[in-house]
Amino acid sequence: AVRDWIYKEMVVRLENRGRWRFRLCLEERDWLPGVSCIENLHKAVYNSRKTVFVLTSPSGCSHESGVVRQAFLLVQQRLLDEKVDVTVLVLLDL
């Protein structure tokens, strides 16, 4: 259900409509296979103007929470270094 919402609603509304279009970086669509998770995260964060996290449950599995923690650290480091990033957190209640 979350994947459908992301592709049918979020992607359509942010990438395809209106005067202000955004380019989203989705793990299953845009991350390079064979490249480590941290390298893909680094590229996504440093090539973006805004970082948006969509989480389906606060507990999540340990892998997902580790990825989110790494991403937040990258975003925080970029903010400290360049003062150019904004983080948006979207929590979906299922």
Protein backbone atom coordinates (compact mmCIF):
# COMPACT_ATOMS: atom_id res chain seq x y z
CA ALA A 1 0.00 0.00 0.00
CA VAL A 2 2.83 2.41 0.83
CA ARG A 3 4.70 1.63 -2.36
CA ASP A 4 1.52 2.26 -4.38
CA TRP A 5 0.97 5.58 -2.59
CA ILE A 6 4.55 6.67 -3.26
CA TYR A 7 4.44 5.84 -6.97
CA LYS A 8 0.81 6.79 -7.71
CA GLU A 9 0.45 9.88 -5.53
CA MET A 10 3.75 11.28 -4.28
CA VAL A 11 5.80 10.79 -7.45
CA VAL A 12 2.97 11.97 -9.70
CA ARG A 13 2.30 15.10 -7.64
CA LEU A 14 5.91 16.09 -7.04
CA GLU A 15 7.64 15.05 -10.29
CA ASN A 16 4.98 15.50 -12.94
CA ARG A 17 2.68 18.37 -11.98
CA GLY A 18 2.73 22.06 -11.52
CA ARG A 19 5.22 24.80 -11.96
CA TRP A 20 7.50 23.53 -9.20
CA ARG A 21 8.65 20.06 -10.14
CA PHE A 22 10.86 17.99 -7.91
CA ARG A 23 13.13 15.08 -8.76
CA LEU A 24 12.78 12.30 -6.23
CA CYS A 25 15.44 9.73 -5.49
CA LEU A 26 13.82 6.39 -4.75
CA GLU A 27 15.90 3.50 -3.48
CA GLU A 28 14.43 0.82 -5.74
CA ARG A 29 14.35 3.08 -8.79
CA ASP A 30 17.44 5.29 -8.56
CA TRP A 31 20.08 3.60 -6.42
CA LEU A 32 22.89 1.89 -8.33
CA PRO A 33 23.06 -1.89 -7.84
CA GLY A 34 26.38 -3.13 -6.52
CA VAL A 35 27.14 0.21 -4.84
CA SER A 36 27.11 0.25 -1.05
CA CYS A 37 24.16 1.68 0.82
CA ILE A 38 26.24 4.50 2.32
CA GLU A 39 27.58 5.52 -1.12
CA ASN A 40 24.06 5.61 -2.58
CA LEU A 41 22.86 7.62 0.44
CA HIS A 42 25.78 10.03 0.12
CA LYS A 43 25.06 10.62 -3.55
CA ALA A 44 21.34 11.11 -2.90
CA VAL A 45 21.88 13.59 -0.05
CA TYR A 46 24.66 15.61 -1.69
CA ASN A 47 22.84 15.82 -5.04
CA SER A 48 19.61 17.06 -3.47
CA ARG A 49 18.21 20.34 -2.29
CA LYS A 50 15.86 18.70 0.18
CA THR A 51 15.95 15.27 1.82
CA VAL A 52 12.60 13.57 2.41
CA PHE A 53 12.24 10.35 4.39
CA VAL A 54 9.04 8.32 4.10
CA LEU A 55 8.75 5.83 6.96
CA THR A 56 5.94 3.34 7.38
CA SER A 57 6.40 2.54 11.06
CA PRO A 58 8.47 4.08 13.84
CA SER A 59 9.87 0.73 14.97
CA GLY A 60 10.84 -0.62 11.54
CA CYS A 61 13.41 -3.34 11.09
CA SER A 62 17.00 -2.84 12.23
CA HIS A 63 18.30 -2.49 8.63
CA GLU A 64 15.87 0.32 7.84
CA SER A 65 16.53 2.19 11.08
CA GLY A 66 20.29 1.91 10.42
CA VAL A 67 19.85 3.34 6.92
CA VAL A 68 17.72 6.19 8.27
CA ARG A 69 20.31 6.91 10.97
CA GLN A 70 23.11 7.02 8.37
CA ALA A 71 21.06 9.30 6.13
CA PHE A 72 20.28 11.68 8.98
CA LEU A 73 23.98 11.85 9.86
CA LEU A 74 24.83 12.69 6.24
CA VAL A 75 22.13 15.36 6.13
CA GLN A 76 23.35 16.82 9.43
CA GLN A 77 26.96 16.86 8.20
CA ARG A 78 25.95 18.61 4.99
CA LEU A 79 23.97 21.16 6.99
CA LEU A 80 26.99 21.85 9.21
CA ASP A 81 29.42 22.02 6.27
CA GLU A 82 27.39 23.85 3.64
CA LYS A 83 24.26 25.12 5.43
CA VAL A 84 22.17 24.03 2.44
CA ASP A 85 20.01 21.03 3.33
CA VAL A 86 16.52 20.63 4.72
CA THR A 87 15.13 17.37 6.05
CA VAL A 88 11.47 16.46 5.84
CA LEU A 89 10.19 13.41 7.70
CA VAL A 90 6.92 11.77 6.57
CA LEU A 91 5.53 9.15 8.95
CA LEU A 92 2.76 7.01 7.53
CA ASP A 93 0.39 5.37 9.97
CA LEU A 94 -0.77 2.02 8.59
